[in-house]
C-alpha atoms as a PDB file:
ATOM      1  CA  MET A   1     134.693 108.855  85.758  1.00  0.00           C
ATOM      2  CA  LYS A   2     134.877 107.864  89.408  1.00  0.00           C
ATOM      3  CA  GLN A   3     133.755 104.284  89.924  1.00  0.00           C
ATOM      4  CA  ASN A   4     131.725 105.066  93.034  1.00  0.00           C
ATOM      5  CA  ASN A   5     129.736 107.638  91.065  1.00  0.00           C
ATOM      6  CA  LEU A   6     127.900 105.202  88.783  1.00  0.00           C
ATOM      7  CA  ARG A   7     124.206 104.393  88.457  1.00  0.00           C
ATOM      8  CA  LEU A   8     122.284 101.242  87.649  1.00  0.00           C
ATOM      9  CA  LEU A   9     118.830 101.758  86.088  1.00  0.00           C
ATOM     10  CA  ILE A  10     116.034  99.258  86.462  1.00  0.00           C
ATOM     11  CA  LEU A  11     112.494  99.198  85.121  1.00  0.00           C
ATOM     12  CA  TYR A  12     110.154  98.203  87.930  1.00  0.00           C
ATOM     13  CA  ASN A  13     106.591  96.918  87.632  1.00  0.00           C
ATOM     14  CA  ALA A  14     105.008  97.300  91.072  1.00  0.00           C
ATOM     15  CA  GLU A  15     101.863  95.354  90.175  1.00  0.00           C
ATOM     16  CA  GLN A  16     103.813  92.242  89.200  1.00  0.00           C
ATOM     17  CA  ASN A  17     106.731  93.000  91.571  1.00  0.00           C
ATOM     18  CA  GLU A  18     109.133  92.383  88.684  1.00  0.00           C
ATOM     19  CA  TYR A  19     112.062  94.315  87.331  1.00  0.00           C
ATOM     20  CA  SER A  20     114.401  94.279  84.395  1.00  0.00           C
ATOM     21  CA  VAL A  21     117.804  95.873  84.136  1.00  0.00           C
ATOM     22  CA  SER A  22     117.794  98.777  81.720  1.00  0.00           C
ATOM     23  CA  ALA A  23     121.360 100.114  81.956  1.00  0.00           C
ATOM     24  CA  HIS A  24     124.429 100.011  84.152  1.00  0.00           C
ATOM     25  CA  ASN A  25     127.753 101.849  84.480  1.00  0.00           C
ATOM     26  CA  ARG A  26     126.066 105.227  83.816  1.00  0.00           C
ATOM     27  CA  ASP A  27     127.199 108.504  85.273  1.00  0.00           C
ATOM     28  CA  PRO A  28     124.520 110.381  87.271  1.00  0.00           C
ATOM     29  CA  GLN A  29     123.815 112.931  84.527  1.00  0.00           C
ATOM     30  CA  GLU A  30     123.448 110.258  81.871  1.00  0.00           C
ATOM     31  CA  ALA A  31     121.141 108.210  84.125  1.00  0.00           C
ATOM     32  CA  ALA A  32     118.956 111.259  84.849  1.00  0.00           C
ATOM     33  CA  GLN A  33     118.772 112.068  81.146  1.00  0.00           C
ATOM     34  CA  MET A  34     117.735 108.505  80.306  1.00  0.00           C
ATOM     35  CA  ILE A  35     115.000 108.568  82.956  1.00  0.00           C
ATOM     36  CA  GLU A  36     113.691 111.925  81.762  1.00  0.00           C
ATOM     37  CA  GLU A  37     113.704 110.794  78.135  1.00  0.00           C
ATOM     38  CA  TRP A  38     112.040 107.409  78.634  1.00  0.00           C
ATOM     39  CA  GLN A  39     109.764 107.866  81.693  1.00  0.00           C
ATOM     40  CA  GLN A  40     106.963 109.307  79.582  1.00  0.00           C
ATOM     41  CA  HIS A  41     106.936 106.196  77.366  1.00  0.00           C
ATOM     42  CA  LEU A  42     106.397 103.680  80.155  1.00  0.00           C
ATOM     43  CA  ARG A  43     103.157 101.809  80.629  1.00  0.00           C
ATOM     44  CA  GLU A  44     101.043 102.545  83.668  1.00  0.00           C
ATOM     45  CA  GLY A  45     102.443 100.852  86.776  1.00  0.00           C
ATOM     46  CA  TRP A  46     106.048 100.899  85.515  1.00  0.00           C
ATOM     47  CA  ARG A  47     108.782 103.247  86.671  1.00  0.00           C
ATOM     48  CA  PHE A  48     112.514 103.707  86.480  1.00  0.00           C
ATOM     49  CA  ILE A  49     114.607 103.327  89.604  1.00  0.00           C
ATOM     50  CA  ALA A  50     118.231 104.484  89.708  1.00  0.00           C
ATOM     51  CA  LEU A  51     120.498 102.732  92.189  1.00  0.00           C
ATOM     52  CA  ASP A  52     123.989 103.739  93.229  1.00  0.00           C
ATOM     53  CA  GLN A  53     126.446 101.266  91.789  1.00  0.00           C
ATOM     54  CA  LYS A  54     129.328 100.358  94.089  1.00  0.00           C
ATOM     55  CA  ARG A  55     131.749  99.510  91.252  1.00  0.00           C
ATOM     56  CA  ALA A  56     131.814  99.236  87.474  1.00  0.00           C
ATOM     57  CA  HIS A  57     130.281  96.035  86.137  1.00  0.00           C
ATOM     58  CA  LYS A  58     132.306  94.183  83.506  1.00  0.00           C
ATOM     59  CA  THR A  59     129.495  92.462  81.596  1.00  0.00           C
ATOM     60  CA  PRO A  60     128.747  94.634  78.531  1.00  0.00           C
ATOM     61  CA  ASP A  61     125.026  93.731  78.360  1.00  0.00           C
ATOM     62  CA  ALA A  62     123.216  94.956  81.477  1.00  0.00           C
ATOM     63  CA  GLN A  63     120.442  92.358  80.975  1.00  0.00           C
ATOM     64  CA  GLN A  64     123.040  89.576  81.273  1.00  0.00           C
ATOM     65  CA  CYS A  65     124.855  91.131  84.251  1.00  0.00           C
ATOM     66  CA  ARG A  66     124.729  89.008  87.408  1.00  0.00           C
ATOM     67  CA  ALA A  67     126.294  91.860  89.429  1.00  0.00           C
ATOM     68  CA  CYS A  68     123.301  94.067  88.527  1.00  0.00           C
ATOM     69  CA  ARG A  69     120.812  91.493  89.780  1.00  0.00           C
ATOM     70  CA  ASP A  70     122.834  91.029  92.974  1.00  0.00           C
ATOM     71  CA  GLN A  71     122.899  94.779  93.518  1.00  0.00           C
ATOM     72  CA  VAL A  72     119.125  95.098  93.058  1.00  0.00           C
ATOM     73  CA  ARG A  73     118.577  92.291  95.558  1.00  0.00           C
ATOM     74  CA  GLN A  74     120.903  93.935  98.108  1.00  0.00           C
ATOM     75  CA  SER A  75     120.160  97.634  97.754  1.00  0.00           C
ATOM     76  CA  SER A  76     116.834  98.337  96.026  1.00  0.00           C
ATOM     77  CA  GLY A  77     114.911  98.635  99.289  1.00  0.00           C
ATOM     78  CA  LEU A  78     111.891  97.080  97.570  1.00  0.00           C
ATOM     79  CA  GLN A  79     109.864  94.724  99.761  1.00  0.00           C
ATOM     80  CA  PRO A  80     109.209  91.999  99.035  1.00  0.00           C
ATOM     81  CA  PRO A  81     112.276  91.730  96.817  1.00  0.00           C
ATOM     82  CA  PRO A  82     111.186  91.876  93.169  1.00  0.00           C
ATOM     83  CA  LYS A  83     111.701  89.055  90.691  1.00  0.00           C
ATOM     84  CA  PHE A  84     114.062  89.560  87.759  1.00  0.00           C
ATOM     85  CA  LYS A  85     112.402  89.348  84.347  1.00  0.00           C
ATOM     86  CA  ARG A  86     114.403  89.579  81.153  1.00  0.00           C
ATOM     87  CA  ARG A  87     112.832  92.055  78.748  1.00  0.00           C
ATOM     88  CA  GLU A  88     111.798  90.884  75.321  1.00  0.00           C
ATOM     89  CA  ILE A  89     113.711  92.778  72.653  1.00  0.00           C
END
């Protein structure tokens, strides 16, 4: 897998302008499959956003990954920048 061909998936709540990290280090096909599978289960106002990941992130748990949060801040294009919110598991 080429490192510049990775995706980071976030769940974004436009109403609250909050996001949580859903997955990182995914290849494009896997990311698209995850979005297709889970999009229908989201509450109204929520959506998945896939971002190009510049490099593989080393933290195993995407929710704990500082590089993911930095990447969302730098490249999501969302204005104003959304706040990170850890999902309850």
